[in-house]
Amino acid sequence: MTSADPALAPVYISAYLADERHREVRVVRHDGAVIPEPCASQEQFEAFVEQHRPGTDLGDPLQVYWVDHPGEWTGI
């Protein structure tokens, strides 16, 4: 499996912190604008990415970079 360079990945998900409700997600739109958003669930994450970077393959590590614990949300 190839891992993305976090500086090049259009979608970046911050570190998992068990005592935090959200993970910070950063999307680089096709026009180059960077949009940050705290996301608390997979559904919220998917909707945010689809809104700002439609067509992103969320399973492609070259497009989506997880600092750690891919797919995990705290749920506090």
C-alpha atoms as a PDB file:
ATOM      1  CA  MET A   1       0.000   0.000   0.000  1.00  0.00           C
ATOM      2  CA  THR A   2       1.333   3.417  -0.940  1.00  0.00           C
ATOM      3  CA  SER A   3       0.968   6.146   1.626  1.00  0.00           C
ATOM      4  CA  ALA A   4       0.308   9.748   0.749  1.00  0.00           C
ATOM      5  CA  ASP A   5       2.633  12.626   1.400  1.00  0.00           C
ATOM      6  CA  PRO A   6       0.569  14.731   3.832  1.00  0.00           C
ATOM      7  CA  ALA A   7       1.728  17.891   2.092  1.00  0.00           C
ATOM      8  CA  LEU A   8       0.298  16.671  -1.235  1.00  0.00           C
ATOM      9  CA  ALA A   9      -2.878  14.876  -0.153  1.00  0.00           C
ATOM     10  CA  PRO A  10      -5.989  16.954  -0.886  1.00  0.00           C
ATOM     11  CA  VAL A  11      -7.698  15.568   2.238  1.00  0.00           C
ATOM     12  CA  TYR A  12      -5.859  15.477   5.588  1.00  0.00           C
ATOM     13  CA  ILE A  13      -7.279  14.075   8.854  1.00  0.00           C
ATOM     14  CA  SER A  14      -5.546  15.036  12.096  1.00  0.00           C
ATOM     15  CA  ALA A  15      -4.482  12.705  14.898  1.00  0.00           C
ATOM     16  CA  TYR A  16      -7.006  10.654  16.843  1.00  0.00           C
ATOM     17  CA  LEU A  17      -7.378  11.936  20.399  1.00  0.00           C
ATOM     18  CA  ALA A  18      -9.659   9.841  22.598  1.00  0.00           C
ATOM     19  CA  ASP A  19     -10.638  12.803  24.784  1.00  0.00           C
ATOM     20  CA  GLU A  20     -11.597  15.061  21.845  1.00  0.00           C
ATOM     21  CA  ARG A  21     -15.019  15.010  20.197  1.00  0.00           C
ATOM     22  CA  HIS A  22     -13.759  15.887  16.702  1.00  0.00           C
ATOM     23  CA  ARG A  23     -10.885  15.222  14.376  1.00  0.00           C
ATOM     24  CA  GLU A  24      -9.745  18.217  12.356  1.00  0.00           C
ATOM     25  CA  VAL A  25     -10.172  17.597   8.634  1.00  0.00           C
ATOM     26  CA  ARG A  26      -8.538  19.809   6.014  1.00  0.00           C
ATOM     27  CA  VAL A  27      -9.618  19.763   2.374  1.00  0.00           C
ATOM     28  CA  VAL A  28      -7.759  21.465  -0.451  1.00  0.00           C
ATOM     29  CA  ARG A  29     -10.412  22.343  -3.004  1.00  0.00           C
ATOM     30  CA  HIS A  30      -9.809  22.086  -6.745  1.00  0.00           C
ATOM     31  CA  ASP A  31      -9.403  25.883  -6.836  1.00  0.00           C
ATOM     32  CA  GLY A  32      -6.600  25.677  -4.232  1.00  0.00           C
ATOM     33  CA  ALA A  33      -8.595  27.034  -1.285  1.00  0.00           C
ATOM     34  CA  VAL A  34      -7.925  25.192   1.989  1.00  0.00           C
ATOM     35  CA  ILE A  35     -11.023  24.495   4.069  1.00  0.00           C
ATOM     36  CA  PRO A  36     -10.661  23.167   7.659  1.00  0.00           C
ATOM     37  CA  GLU A  37     -13.581  21.549   9.491  1.00  0.00           C
ATOM     38  CA  PRO A  38     -13.912  19.593  12.745  1.00  0.00           C
ATOM     39  CA  CYS A  39     -15.682  16.285  12.044  1.00  0.00           C
ATOM     40  CA  ALA A  40     -17.154  13.977  14.681  1.00  0.00           C
ATOM     41  CA  SER A  41     -18.304  11.076  12.495  1.00  0.00           C
ATOM     42  CA  GLN A  42     -17.642   9.257   9.244  1.00  0.00           C
ATOM     43  CA  GLU A  43     -20.910  10.612   7.857  1.00  0.00           C
ATOM     44  CA  GLN A  44     -19.976  14.208   8.674  1.00  0.00           C
ATOM     45  CA  PHE A  45     -16.511  13.650   7.166  1.00  0.00           C
ATOM     46  CA  GLU A  46     -17.908  12.175   3.939  1.00  0.00           C
ATOM     47  CA  ALA A  47     -20.413  15.028   3.521  1.00  0.00           C
ATOM     48  CA  PHE A  48     -17.724  17.663   4.133  1.00  0.00           C
ATOM     49  CA  VAL A  49     -15.339  16.135   1.599  1.00  0.00           C
ATOM     50  CA  GLU A  50     -18.096  15.683  -0.988  1.00  0.00           C
ATOM     51  CA  GLN A  51     -19.117  19.330  -0.581  1.00  0.00           C
ATOM     52  CA  HIS A  52     -15.621  20.763  -1.031  1.00  0.00           C
ATOM     53  CA  ARG A  53     -13.830  18.151  -3.140  1.00  0.00           C
ATOM     54  CA  PRO A  54     -16.440  16.087  -5.015  1.00  0.00           C
ATOM     55  CA  GLY A  55     -15.261  12.868  -6.584  1.00  0.00           C
ATOM     56  CA  THR A  56     -12.550  12.175  -4.008  1.00  0.00           C
ATOM     57  CA  ASP A  57     -11.895   8.462  -3.510  1.00  0.00           C
ATOM     58  CA  LEU A  58     -11.965   8.246   0.282  1.00  0.00           C
ATOM     59  CA  GLY A  59     -10.216   4.861   0.155  1.00  0.00           C
ATOM     60  CA  ASP A  60      -7.233   6.144  -1.843  1.00  0.00           C
ATOM     61  CA  PRO A  61      -4.279   6.946   0.451  1.00  0.00           C
ATOM     62  CA  LEU A  62      -2.875   9.294  -2.199  1.00  0.00           C
ATOM     63  CA  GLN A  63      -6.013  11.434  -1.919  1.00  0.00           C
ATOM     64  CA  VAL A  64      -6.790  11.026   1.779  1.00  0.00           C
ATOM     65  CA  TYR A  65      -4.102  11.149   4.474  1.00  0.00           C
ATOM     66  CA  TRP A  66      -4.935   9.959   8.000  1.00  0.00           C
ATOM     67  CA  VAL A  67      -2.305  10.852  10.612  1.00  0.00           C
ATOM     68  CA  ASP A  68      -3.309   7.699  12.497  1.00  0.00           C
ATOM     69  CA  HIS A  69      -6.285   5.391  13.201  1.00  0.00           C
ATOM     70  CA  PRO A  70      -7.925   5.599   9.756  1.00  0.00           C
ATOM     71  CA  GLY A  71     -11.710   5.564   9.879  1.00  0.00           C
ATOM     72  CA  GLU A  72     -11.929   5.991  13.669  1.00  0.00           C
ATOM     73  CA  TRP A  73     -13.936   8.741  15.314  1.00  0.00           C
ATOM     74  CA  THR A  74     -14.066   9.331  19.063  1.00  0.00           C
ATOM     75  CA  GLY A  75     -17.819   9.623  19.513  1.00  0.00           C
ATOM     76  CA  ILE A  76     -17.546  11.475  22.819  1.00  0.00           C
END
